[in-house]
Amino acid sequence: MRWARPVAWVAVVSLWLALGPLVVVAVVVLLAVPRTGRRARPLLLGSGPPTRRTTLAAVAATGLVVGGLWVIPDGRLPVPPGGGAWVTPGYTGRPVSAQPLPADDGGVPDPVVVPTVSDLPGPLGLSVEVDSAWFGAEHCGALLPDSHERLAALCTSRSGARLKVIDPRTLRPVATQELPEACGEPGAPAPPVLDAAGNLLVATGDRRLLQVATADAADDPALVTEAVVDLAPVVPAGDCVVAVVLDGAERAWFATAAGLVGVVAGDADPVVVDLGEPVGQPLAADRDGVYVTTVEAVHRVVTRTGAPLVGWRTAYETGSGVKPGQRDAGSGSGAVLVDSDAGPLLAFTDNANPRMHVVVLRAGDGEQVCRTQVFEDDASATEAALVPVEGGVVVTSGHGWTGLSSGVLGRRPSGGLARVEADCRTAWTSPEVAPTSGATLSRATGLLYAWTKRRSWLGADAWYLTALDARTGRTAWSARGGTGPWADSDGAPVTLGPGGAAFVGTRAGLVRVVDGTRGLRD
């Protein structure tokens, strides 16, 4: 009987890891029902109230675990599992062969750079290996492959924001730089971008733009600030930068939450124009300027004699309010450039009721070309970027996802993905649910990669890297990336990086999915 209680708890934990959170529910019910509780409570909780000794032991054990997780460096431990390994498949589907998309026919006008489109290969589903790294409560939601075959990451927590250089093989940080406190709503720093020299352009919470190299003079990993642009003269206190992009002339553009849009060209001082409408979406850029999606309209902003000017403004339907799964009542995707035989077009989503539309505009003058409804009535909303592909876009629905509570005990929203062509014809739809992160296209493989969630009637919360054929929408394969609340990406997109690997920043660290035949481990 001396070891009865430890053995019982080991059995409970083992069942939870295997079967998921319903085991916890079953234990609570077992203890609460008088008839079964009389036998279960002494076995699991003891026959009397806890003694001082047992209380101190429990507090000490908890302190050691929490303290250990706090002290152990990032990347040394895997992300803790959430249970349900036996009742959720580790892999479904089958490997596929790469079917590359032509580099000049991926749907993105040259020389536009779109974060959701990559020329790097991703995994093909062959002998898939999944690794993870625990980063505590730090969320590395913005990942970029740098020019040294490493990952640059912008990570946030309650203690602030940090830039990190991460080894893609070990998933451990090899360089870290503290950043000033992040902005307020919409709540996260603007994702950094890479310039032509391979340096990061980073907006900070104290209204500065930093140009940061990810290697020192010896090419060793480091974070070295090469240049600083002070935005305080043009961005008032209380406002913050929510989007940064480089145009085709390598000018740095930025937008603030309050609706200021500015440009920095070379050594010139930053200059802004006030759109007077809040901004919460990324910017799209071409050779001459940017396209800004506010909560009311899409704007074309260009430079004339160094100063930004509004070329045109096109309003869109904003519906009746904020839908479940959105931050505001505006577009949840922001405008992206799409190539077509008739010239460059813009595509974005509105917030119409009962369904949102994918809207297509002419990039030159902002005139509407067409629009089409997507997904189901009262079940369409997004906060994920559109993915340009072969003259169309892929849109993701995250309607109903309002946070972790939306997915507990195996639940998920209706979701779905759809590909809409430039003429607003729906080419395909997919039932896969990627509620928080959208999809990323690999031109090298012709696959879309999404961080998806499955419904589980046994209450297990499992997240998957799912690969879909970009041409047909057919699901090729899915590999389980994690279980439990820590596996939620919290809006972080899939990033394709060195060695043909796919990386996802989750609520507690990083997940890497790679084909077993890849050379990333070498």
Protein backbone atom coordinates (compact mmCIF):
# COMPACT_ATOMS: atom_id res chain seq x y z
CA MET A 1 0.00 0.00 0.00
CA ARG A 2 3.00 2.28 0.43
CA TRP A 3 3.34 2.69 -3.34
CA ALA A 4 -0.35 2.53 -4.16
CA ARG A 5 -0.84 6.30 -4.50
CA PRO A 6 2.26 6.95 -6.69
CA VAL A 7 1.32 4.00 -8.87
CA ALA A 8 -2.24 5.32 -9.20
CA TRP A 9 -1.02 8.76 -10.24
CA VAL A 10 1.47 7.30 -12.70
CA ALA A 11 -1.42 5.33 -14.20
CA VAL A 12 -3.58 8.48 -14.46
CA VAL A 13 -0.80 10.50 -16.11
CA SER A 14 0.00 7.64 -18.51
CA LEU A 15 -3.65 7.33 -19.51
CA TRP A 16 -3.86 11.10 -19.97
CA LEU A 17 -0.81 11.08 -22.29
CA ALA A 18 -2.30 8.21 -24.24
CA LEU A 19 -5.99 9.11 -24.34
CA GLY A 20 -6.12 12.84 -23.73
CA PRO A 21 -7.97 15.25 -21.44
CA LEU A 22 -11.10 13.12 -21.09
CA VAL A 23 -9.08 11.08 -18.62
CA VAL A 24 -8.90 14.14 -16.35
CA VAL A 25 -12.65 14.66 -16.74
CA ALA A 26 -13.23 11.00 -15.87
CA VAL A 27 -11.06 11.26 -12.73
CA VAL A 28 -12.90 14.38 -11.55
CA VAL A 29 -16.26 12.64 -12.06
CA LEU A 30 -14.92 9.55 -10.29
CA LEU A 31 -13.92 11.62 -7.28
CA ALA A 32 -17.13 13.69 -7.26
CA VAL A 33 -19.61 10.79 -7.34
CA PRO A 34 -20.10 9.60 -3.73
CA ARG A 35 -20.32 5.94 -4.56
CA THR A 36 -17.01 5.79 -6.47
CA GLY A 37 -15.36 8.64 -4.64
CA ARG A 38 -15.28 6.72 -1.34
CA ARG A 39 -12.86 4.28 -2.91
CA ALA A 40 -10.98 6.59 -5.31
CA ARG A 41 -10.29 9.51 -2.94
CA PRO A 42 -8.15 7.53 -0.46
CA LEU A 43 -6.17 6.03 -3.33
CA LEU A 44 -5.52 9.31 -5.15
CA LEU A 45 -5.79 11.96 -2.45
CA GLY A 46 -5.21 10.09 0.80
CA SER A 47 -7.58 9.24 3.61
CA GLY A 48 -7.37 12.53 5.45
CA PRO A 49 -6.53 16.19 4.95
CA PRO A 50 -3.01 16.85 3.64
CA THR A 51 -0.35 17.12 6.32
CA ARG A 52 2.08 19.95 6.57
CA ARG A 53 4.82 17.65 5.35
CA THR A 54 2.96 16.57 2.22
CA THR A 55 1.91 20.15 1.47
CA LEU A 56 5.49 21.39 1.72
CA ALA A 57 6.67 18.50 -0.44
CA ALA A 58 4.08 19.30 -3.10
CA VAL A 59 4.98 23.01 -3.07
CA ALA A 60 8.69 22.18 -3.26
CA ALA A 61 8.19 19.78 -6.16
CA THR A 62 6.08 22.31 -8.04
CA GLY A 63 8.70 24.99 -7.41
CA LEU A 64 11.48 22.77 -8.68
CA VAL A 65 9.59 21.97 -11.87
CA VAL A 66 8.59 25.58 -12.58
CA GLY A 67 11.97 26.91 -11.59
CA GLY A 68 13.71 24.33 -13.72
CA LEU A 69 11.65 25.28 -16.76
CA TRP A 70 12.47 28.94 -16.10
CA VAL A 71 16.22 28.38 -15.69
CA ILE A 72 16.78 25.80 -18.45
CA PRO A 73 17.87 27.65 -21.61
CA ASP A 74 15.46 27.92 -24.53
CA GLY A 75 15.47 24.98 -26.90
CA ARG A 76 16.86 22.40 -24.46
CA LEU A 77 13.51 20.66 -23.88
CA PRO A 78 10.71 19.67 -26.25
CA VAL A 79 7.32 21.35 -26.08
CA PRO A 80 5.29 19.49 -23.41
CA PRO A 81 2.64 17.15 -24.87
CA GLY A 82 -1.02 17.73 -24.19
CA GLY A 83 -2.18 14.13 -24.19
CA GLY A 84 -3.99 12.00 -26.73
CA ALA A 85 -1.08 10.33 -28.54
CA TRP A 86 -2.96 7.02 -28.92
CA VAL A 87 -6.22 8.47 -30.18
CA THR A 88 -4.85 10.92 -32.76
CA PRO A 89 -3.01 9.69 -35.86
CA GLY A 90 0.65 10.62 -36.12
CA TYR A 91 0.56 10.70 -39.91
CA THR A 92 -2.08 10.38 -42.61
CA GLY A 93 -1.88 10.46 -46.39
CA ARG A 94 1.16 9.53 -48.45
CA PRO A 95 4.36 11.17 -49.73
CA VAL A 96 4.21 13.13 -52.97
CA SER A 97 6.65 14.23 -55.63
CA ALA A 98 7.49 17.89 -56.08
CA GLN A 99 5.45 19.60 -58.80
CA PRO A 100 7.16 23.02 -58.94
CA LEU A 101 5.38 26.16 -59.93
CA PRO A 102 7.32 28.33 -62.39
CA ALA A 103 9.14 31.11 -60.55
CA ASP A 104 7.63 33.69 -62.90
CA ASP A 105 4.13 32.20 -62.71
CA GLY A 106 3.49 31.88 -59.01
CA GLY A 107 0.86 34.59 -58.95
CA VAL A 108 3.16 37.32 -57.64
CA PRO A 109 4.31 40.14 -59.95
CA ASP A 110 8.09 40.54 -60.00
CA PRO A 111 9.85 41.88 -57.88
CA VAL A 112 7.21 41.71 -55.15
CA VAL A 113 8.08 39.70 -52.03
CA VAL A 114 5.13 38.04 -50.28
CA PRO A 115 5.65 36.38 -46.88
CA THR A 116 3.18 33.60 -47.72
CA VAL A 117 5.07 32.56 -50.87
CA SER A 118 8.50 30.91 -50.75
CA ASP A 119 10.93 29.61 -53.36
CA LEU A 120 12.34 27.20 -50.75
CA PRO A 121 11.18 23.56 -50.74
CA GLY A 122 9.10 22.16 -47.92
CA PRO A 123 8.69 18.55 -46.77
CA LEU A 124 7.11 16.08 -49.19
CA GLY A 125 5.80 13.70 -46.52
CA LEU A 126 8.55 11.07 -46.82
CA SER A 127 9.49 9.44 -43.47
CA VAL A 128 8.49 12.66 -41.75
CA GLU A 129 10.32 13.64 -38.57
CA VAL A 130 8.84 16.10 -36.06
CA ASP A 131 10.95 17.91 -33.46
CA SER A 132 10.09 20.71 -31.06
CA ALA A 133 11.82 23.13 -28.71
CA TRP A 134 10.35 24.58 -25.52
CA PHE A 135 10.70 28.37 -25.22
CA GLY A 136 8.69 28.77 -22.03
CA ALA A 137 5.90 31.30 -22.38
CA GLU A 138 7.64 33.02 -25.28
CA HIS A 139 5.86 33.07 -28.61
CA CYS A 140 8.11 33.28 -31.67
CA GLY A 141 5.38 34.25 -34.08
CA ALA A 142 7.56 35.81 -36.80
CA LEU A 143 10.23 33.57 -38.36
CA LEU A 144 12.46 34.33 -41.32
CA PRO A 145 15.20 32.26 -42.98
CA ASP A 146 18.22 34.58 -43.06
CA SER A 147 21.03 34.66 -45.62
CA HIS A 148 23.23 32.39 -43.48
CA GLU A 149 20.90 29.34 -43.48
CA ARG A 150 19.67 30.13 -40.00
CA LEU A 151 16.33 31.37 -38.68
CA ALA A 152 15.70 34.89 -37.48
CA ALA A 153 12.82 35.13 -35.03
CA LEU A 154 10.86 37.90 -33.35
CA CYS A 155 9.63 36.49 -30.05
CA THR A 156 7.28 38.09 -27.52
CA SER A 157 6.23 37.42 -23.96
CA ARG A 158 4.85 39.42 -21.05
CA SER A 159 8.37 40.57 -20.28
CA GLY A 160 8.87 42.17 -23.71
CA ALA A 161 10.12 41.39 -27.21
CA ARG A 162 13.36 39.77 -28.33
CA LEU A 163 15.13 39.13 -31.60
CA LYS A 164 16.74 35.71 -31.85
CA VAL A 165 18.95 33.87 -34.27
CA ILE A 166 18.03 30.17 -34.10
CA ASP A 167 20.02 27.18 -35.29
CA PRO A 168 17.56 25.27 -37.53
CA ARG A 169 19.15 21.92 -36.62
CA THR A 170 19.08 22.17 -32.82
CA LEU A 171 16.23 24.74 -32.58
CA ARG A 172 18.35 26.56 -29.99
CA PRO A 173 18.94 30.34 -29.98
CA VAL A 174 22.54 31.23 -30.83
CA ALA A 175 22.10 35.00 -30.48
CA THR A 176 19.53 37.17 -28.68
CA GLN A 177 18.82 40.90 -28.56
CA GLU A 178 16.33 42.57 -26.25
CA LEU A 179 13.88 45.00 -27.85
CA PRO A 180 11.83 47.78 -26.25
CA GLU A 181 8.34 46.96 -25.04
CA ALA A 182 5.94 45.94 -27.77
CA CYS A 183 3.07 48.09 -28.98
CA GLY A 184 -0.45 47.90 -27.59
CA GLU A 185 -3.34 46.81 -29.78
CA PRO A 186 -3.28 45.07 -32.18
CA GLY A 187 -0.86 43.61 -29.71
CA ALA A 188 2.27 42.42 -31.45
CA PRO A 189 5.29 44.04 -33.06
CA ALA A 190 5.32 44.33 -36.84
CA PRO A 191 6.94 41.24 -38.38
CA PRO A 192 10.50 42.06 -39.54
CA VAL A 193 11.54 41.90 -43.19
CA LEU A 194 14.84 41.15 -44.91
CA ASP A 195 16.55 43.73 -47.10
CA ALA A 196 18.69 43.02 -50.17
CA ALA A 197 21.82 42.72 -48.02
CA GLY A 198 20.23 40.08 -45.78
CA ASN A 199 19.71 42.44 -42.83
CA LEU A 200 16.53 42.54 -40.75
CA LEU A 201 14.38 45.65 -40.75
CA VAL A 202 12.68 45.74 -37.35
CA ALA A 203 10.17 48.20 -35.88
CA THR A 204 10.44 48.70 -32.12
CA GLY A 205 7.93 49.78 -29.52
CA ASP A 206 9.80 53.05 -28.88
CA ARG A 207 9.14 54.27 -32.45
CA ARG A 208 12.37 53.31 -34.17
CA LEU A 209 13.35 51.28 -37.21
CA LEU A 210 16.42 49.10 -36.74
CA GLN A 211 18.57 47.56 -39.44
CA VAL A 212 20.02 44.46 -37.81
CA ALA A 213 22.59 42.03 -39.22
CA THR A 214 22.29 38.39 -38.15
CA ALA A 215 26.04 37.64 -38.36
CA ASP A 216 29.25 39.36 -37.31
CA ALA A 217 32.32 40.05 -39.46
CA ALA A 218 33.45 36.43 -39.09
CA ASP A 219 30.02 35.17 -40.25
CA ASP A 220 29.30 33.83 -36.77
CA PRO A 221 25.72 34.21 -35.51
CA ALA A 222 25.13 37.60 -33.90
CA LEU A 223 22.60 40.43 -33.84
CA VAL A 224 24.37 43.65 -34.73
CA THR A 225 22.45 46.91 -35.15
CA GLU A 226 23.81 48.53 -38.30
CA ALA A 227 21.53 51.57 -38.51
CA VAL A 228 18.71 53.25 -36.60
CA VAL A 229 15.94 55.49 -37.92
CA ASP A 230 14.11 57.56 -35.31
CA LEU A 231 10.39 57.74 -36.12
CA ALA A 232 9.46 59.81 -33.06
CA PRO A 233 9.45 63.11 -35.03
CA VAL A 234 6.65 61.78 -37.29
CA VAL A 235 4.91 59.15 -35.12
CA PRO A 236 3.32 60.58 -31.96
CA ALA A 237 3.59 58.93 -28.57
CA GLY A 238 0.83 56.35 -28.04
CA ASP A 239 0.88 55.25 -31.67
CA CYS A 240 2.98 52.33 -32.88
CA VAL A 241 4.20 50.70 -36.08
CA VAL A 242 2.16 47.63 -37.04
CA ALA A 243 3.53 46.89 -40.52
CA VAL A 244 6.87 47.26 -42.32
CA VAL A 245 7.75 46.44 -45.94
CA LEU A 246 10.42 47.21 -48.57
CA ASP A 247 9.34 48.28 -52.05
CA GLY A 248 11.07 47.44 -55.33
CA ALA A 249 13.42 50.39 -54.89
CA GLU A 250 14.48 49.15 -51.40
CA ARG A 251 12.69 52.04 -49.69
CA ALA A 252 11.35 51.20 -46.26
CA TRP A 253 7.63 51.78 -45.76
CA PHE A 254 5.76 51.56 -42.48
CA ALA A 255 2.20 51.95 -41.23
CA THR A 256 0.97 52.73 -37.73
CA ALA A 257 -2.10 51.56 -35.86
CA ALA A 258 -3.63 55.05 -36.09
CA GLY A 259 -3.28 55.23 -39.89
CA LEU A 260 0.01 57.01 -40.55
CA VAL A 261 1.89 55.68 -43.57
CA GLY A 262 5.53 56.67 -43.95
CA VAL A 263 8.56 56.08 -46.11
CA VAL A 264 12.30 56.15 -45.46
CA ALA A 265 14.47 56.49 -48.55
CA GLY A 266 18.21 56.16 -48.02
CA ASP A 267 19.54 58.68 -45.51
CA ALA A 268 16.50 60.97 -45.82
CA ASP A 269 14.31 61.68 -42.83
CA PRO A 270 11.06 59.71 -42.61
CA VAL A 271 7.98 61.37 -44.13
CA VAL A 272 4.37 60.34 -43.47
CA VAL A 273 0.84 60.82 -44.78
CA ASP A 274 -2.17 60.44 -42.50
CA LEU A 275 -4.90 58.18 -43.90
CA GLY A 276 -7.14 58.88 -40.92
CA GLU A 277 -8.22 55.22 -40.70
CA PRO A 278 -6.82 52.52 -38.37
CA VAL A 279 -4.46 49.96 -39.89
CA GLY A 280 -4.02 46.40 -38.64
CA GLN A 281 -2.95 44.44 -41.73
CA PRO A 282 0.37 43.97 -43.55
CA LEU A 283 1.38 46.20 -46.43
CA ALA A 284 1.77 45.10 -50.04
CA ALA A 285 4.53 46.74 -52.07
CA ASP A 286 5.64 47.02 -55.69
CA ARG A 287 8.33 49.10 -57.44
CA ASP A 288 6.66 52.46 -56.83
CA GLY A 289 4.94 52.31 -53.46
CA VAL A 290 2.58 50.40 -51.22
CA TYR A 291 -1.03 49.28 -50.90
CA VAL A 292 -2.49 49.85 -47.44
CA THR A 293 -5.58 48.05 -46.14
CA THR A 294 -7.34 49.99 -43.40
CA VAL A 295 -10.51 49.02 -41.54
CA GLU A 296 -12.52 50.90 -44.18
CA ALA A 297 -10.70 50.92 -47.52
CA VAL A 298 -7.68 49.97 -49.60
CA HIS A 299 -5.31 52.86 -50.40
CA ARG A 300 -2.56 53.23 -52.98
CA VAL A 301 0.32 55.30 -51.55
CA VAL A 302 3.23 56.42 -53.72
CA THR A 303 6.05 58.94 -53.43
CA ARG A 304 6.37 62.20 -55.29
CA THR A 305 9.57 64.17 -54.66
CA GLY A 306 10.17 62.00 -51.60
CA ALA A 307 6.81 62.59 -49.91
CA PRO A 308 4.10 59.90 -49.75
CA LEU A 309 0.81 60.70 -51.46
CA VAL A 310 -2.47 58.80 -51.76
CA GLY A 311 -3.00 57.75 -55.38
CA TRP A 312 -6.46 56.24 -54.93
CA ARG A 313 -8.81 54.93 -52.27
CA THR A 314 -11.38 52.13 -52.68
CA ALA A 315 -13.85 51.44 -49.88
CA TYR A 316 -15.23 47.97 -49.15
CA GLU A 317 -18.06 46.38 -47.17
CA THR A 318 -17.36 46.24 -43.44
CA GLY A 319 -20.48 44.34 -42.41
CA SER A 320 -22.31 44.73 -39.13
CA GLY A 321 -19.41 44.42 -36.70
CA VAL A 322 -16.53 42.25 -35.54
CA LYS A 323 -17.05 38.59 -36.40
CA PRO A 324 -15.84 35.80 -34.09
CA GLY A 325 -12.23 35.22 -35.06
CA GLN A 326 -11.41 38.78 -36.12
CA ARG A 327 -9.62 41.65 -34.38
CA ASP A 328 -11.77 44.39 -35.94
CA ALA A 329 -14.61 44.91 -38.39
CA GLY A 330 -12.31 45.49 -41.36
CA SER A 331 -10.54 43.19 -43.78
CA GLY A 332 -8.87 40.28 -42.07
CA SER A 333 -6.42 39.56 -44.87
CA GLY A 334 -5.06 42.80 -46.29
CA ALA A 335 -4.44 43.31 -50.01
CA VAL A 336 -1.91 41.19 -51.92
CA LEU A 337 -0.67 41.62 -55.47
CA VAL A 338 -1.69 39.03 -58.05
CA ASP A 339 -0.34 38.74 -61.58
CA SER A 340 -2.68 38.40 -64.56
CA ASP A 341 -2.70 38.74 -68.33
CA ALA A 342 -4.39 42.12 -67.91
CA GLY A 343 -1.69 43.40 -65.56
CA PRO A 344 -1.21 43.41 -61.79
CA LEU A 345 -4.31 43.06 -59.66
CA LEU A 346 -5.03 43.32 -55.94
CA ALA A 347 -6.98 40.76 -53.95
CA PHE A 348 -8.27 41.07 -50.38
CA THR A 349 -11.21 40.03 -48.22
CA ASP A 350 -13.97 42.32 -47.03
CA ASN A 351 -16.18 41.84 -43.94
CA ALA A 352 -19.57 41.55 -45.59
CA ASN A 353 -22.56 39.69 -44.13
CA PRO A 354 -23.64 36.92 -44.28
CA ARG A 355 -20.45 35.90 -46.09
CA MET A 356 -17.21 37.71 -46.70
CA HIS A 357 -16.03 38.26 -50.27
CA VAL A 358 -12.72 37.93 -52.00
CA VAL A 359 -12.51 41.27 -53.83
CA VAL A 360 -10.26 41.86 -56.87
CA LEU A 361 -9.17 45.38 -57.86
CA ARG A 362 -7.02 46.79 -60.63
CA ALA A 363 -3.74 47.80 -59.03
CA GLY A 364 -3.37 50.82 -61.31
CA ASP A 365 -6.55 52.70 -60.42
CA GLY A 366 -8.31 50.72 -57.66
CA GLU A 367 -11.36 49.92 -59.78
CA GLN A 368 -13.17 46.72 -58.81
CA VAL A 369 -12.77 43.87 -61.28
CA CYS A 370 -14.99 41.36 -59.49
CA ARG A 371 -15.84 39.86 -56.13
CA THR A 372 -17.19 36.52 -54.93
CA GLN A 373 -18.56 35.10 -51.69
CA VAL A 374 -16.56 32.41 -49.94
CA PHE A 375 -17.43 29.75 -47.33
CA GLU A 376 -20.84 29.48 -45.65
CA ASP A 377 -23.37 31.98 -44.33
CA ASP A 378 -22.40 33.31 -40.90
CA ALA A 379 -19.27 31.16 -40.98
CA SER A 380 -16.75 33.21 -42.92
CA ALA A 381 -14.06 35.42 -41.43
CA THR A 382 -10.28 35.48 -41.55
CA GLU A 383 -7.22 36.95 -39.90
CA ALA A 384 -4.78 35.16 -42.20
CA ALA A 385 -2.97 36.58 -45.21
CA LEU A 386 -4.07 35.55 -48.68
CA VAL A 387 -1.68 33.34 -50.65
CA PRO A 388 -1.08 34.37 -54.28
CA VAL A 389 -0.79 31.33 -56.55
CA GLU A 390 -0.90 31.13 -60.37
CA GLY A 391 -2.95 34.25 -60.89
CA GLY A 392 -5.34 33.56 -58.02
CA VAL A 393 -5.33 33.50 -54.23
CA VAL A 394 -5.95 30.97 -51.49
CA VAL A 395 -8.11 32.22 -48.61
CA THR A 396 -8.52 30.64 -45.17
CA SER A 397 -11.55 30.86 -42.90
CA GLY A 398 -10.96 31.18 -39.15
CA HIS A 399 -14.51 32.10 -38.24
CA GLY A 400 -15.33 31.15 -34.66
CA TRP A 401 -11.75 30.86 -33.41
CA THR A 402 -11.52 33.30 -30.50
CA GLY A 403 -8.62 31.71 -28.60
CA LEU A 404 -7.70 28.56 -26.76
CA SER A 405 -11.22 28.06 -25.42
CA SER A 406 -12.42 27.57 -29.02
CA GLY A 407 -10.45 24.36 -29.36
CA VAL A 408 -10.48 22.59 -25.99
CA LEU A 409 -11.64 18.98 -25.72
CA GLY A 410 -11.15 18.32 -29.41
CA ARG A 411 -13.36 21.11 -30.72
CA ARG A 412 -12.64 23.27 -33.76
CA PRO A 413 -14.53 25.85 -35.85
CA SER A 414 -15.95 25.14 -39.29
CA GLY A 415 -12.96 26.68 -41.12
CA GLY A 416 -11.89 25.68 -44.61
CA LEU A 417 -9.67 26.89 -47.44
CA ALA A 418 -10.58 27.99 -50.95
CA ARG A 419 -8.74 29.04 -54.08
CA VAL A 420 -10.24 31.95 -55.98
CA GLU A 421 -8.98 32.90 -59.44
CA ALA A 422 -8.47 36.46 -60.67
CA ASP A 423 -11.85 36.34 -62.41
CA CYS A 424 -13.46 35.43 -59.04
CA ARG A 425 -14.13 31.86 -60.06
CA THR A 426 -13.70 29.43 -57.16
CA ALA A 427 -11.26 26.77 -58.38
CA TRP A 428 -11.43 24.48 -55.34
CA THR A 429 -12.36 24.27 -51.70
CA SER A 430 -10.86 22.21 -48.89
CA PRO A 431 -12.39 21.14 -45.57
CA GLU A 432 -9.05 21.45 -43.75
CA VAL A 433 -9.25 23.82 -40.78
CA ALA A 434 -6.31 26.17 -40.19
CA PRO A 435 -8.01 28.55 -37.76
CA THR A 436 -5.11 30.83 -36.81
CA SER A 437 -2.27 30.82 -39.32
CA GLY A 438 -3.45 30.51 -42.91
CA ALA A 439 -1.22 28.78 -45.46
CA THR A 440 2.23 29.15 -47.02
CA LEU A 441 3.06 28.24 -50.61
CA SER A 442 6.28 26.53 -51.72
CA ARG A 443 6.88 27.19 -55.40
CA ALA A 444 9.58 24.50 -55.32
CA THR A 445 7.14 21.72 -54.36
CA GLY A 446 3.81 23.14 -55.55
CA LEU A 447 2.38 22.49 -52.08
CA LEU A 448 0.51 24.67 -49.61
CA TYR A 449 1.46 24.12 -45.96
CA ALA A 450 -1.04 24.90 -43.20
CA TRP A 451 -1.14 24.37 -39.42
CA THR A 452 -4.45 22.56 -39.04
CA LYS A 453 -6.59 21.22 -36.22
CA ARG A 454 -8.75 18.10 -36.26
CA ARG A 455 -11.97 17.45 -34.42
CA SER A 456 -11.66 14.67 -31.84
CA TRP A 457 -14.71 13.06 -30.25
CA LEU A 458 -12.37 11.76 -27.53
CA GLY A 459 -11.38 15.31 -26.58
CA ALA A 460 -7.76 15.25 -27.76
CA ASP A 461 -6.41 18.55 -29.12
CA ALA A 462 -4.02 17.69 -31.94
CA TRP A 463 -2.37 20.07 -34.42
CA TYR A 464 -0.95 19.02 -37.78
CA LEU A 465 1.27 20.29 -40.52
CA THR A 466 -0.92 19.61 -43.53
CA ALA A 467 0.27 19.73 -47.14
CA LEU A 468 -2.23 20.47 -49.91
CA ASP A 469 -1.75 20.46 -53.67
CA ALA A 470 -1.86 24.14 -54.64
CA ARG A 471 -3.39 23.33 -58.04
CA THR A 472 -6.21 21.04 -56.92
CA GLY A 473 -6.64 21.64 -53.17
CA ARG A 474 -6.33 17.92 -52.50
CA THR A 475 -4.79 17.07 -49.12
CA ALA A 476 -1.56 15.17 -49.71
CA TRP A 477 -0.56 14.31 -46.13
CA SER A 478 -0.70 15.50 -42.53
CA ALA A 479 1.90 15.04 -39.79
CA ARG A 480 1.00 15.60 -36.14
CA GLY A 481 3.08 18.50 -34.83
CA GLY A 482 1.86 18.59 -31.25
CA THR A 483 -1.03 18.13 -28.86
CA GLY A 484 -2.60 20.35 -26.25
CA PRO A 485 -2.86 24.13 -25.90
CA TRP A 486 0.89 24.73 -26.32
CA ALA A 487 0.70 23.47 -29.91
CA ASP A 488 -1.58 26.32 -31.05
CA SER A 489 0.34 28.63 -33.40
CA ASP A 490 -1.55 31.71 -32.14
CA GLY A 491 -1.48 33.30 -35.59
CA ALA A 492 2.10 32.38 -36.54
CA PRO A 493 2.32 31.23 -40.17
CA VAL A 494 4.22 28.20 -41.42
CA THR A 495 7.78 29.21 -42.39
CA LEU A 496 9.87 27.25 -44.89
CA GLY A 497 13.54 27.25 -43.99
CA PRO A 498 16.87 25.49 -44.48
CA GLY A 499 17.02 21.82 -45.36
CA GLY A 500 13.51 21.59 -46.78
CA ALA A 501 12.00 21.95 -43.31
CA ALA A 502 8.79 23.65 -42.23
CA PHE A 503 8.83 25.61 -38.96
CA VAL A 504 5.93 26.84 -36.83
CA GLY A 505 6.12 29.10 -33.79
CA THR A 506 3.65 27.83 -31.20
CA ARG A 507 2.52 29.32 -27.91
CA ALA A 508 5.44 27.69 -26.11
CA GLY A 509 8.22 27.21 -28.64
CA LEU A 510 9.05 25.94 -32.10
CA VAL A 511 8.02 22.89 -34.10
CA ARG A 512 10.02 21.59 -37.05
CA VAL A 513 8.72 19.10 -39.63
CA VAL A 514 11.20 17.66 -42.14
CA ASP A 515 11.47 14.67 -44.44
CA GLY A 516 13.68 11.96 -42.99
CA THR A 517 15.84 11.91 -46.10
CA ARG A 518 16.67 15.62 -45.89
CA GLY A 519 20.14 16.78 -44.92
CA LEU A 520 19.07 19.10 -42.12
CA ARG A 521 20.30 16.69 -39.45
CA ASP A 522 23.79 16.37 -41.00
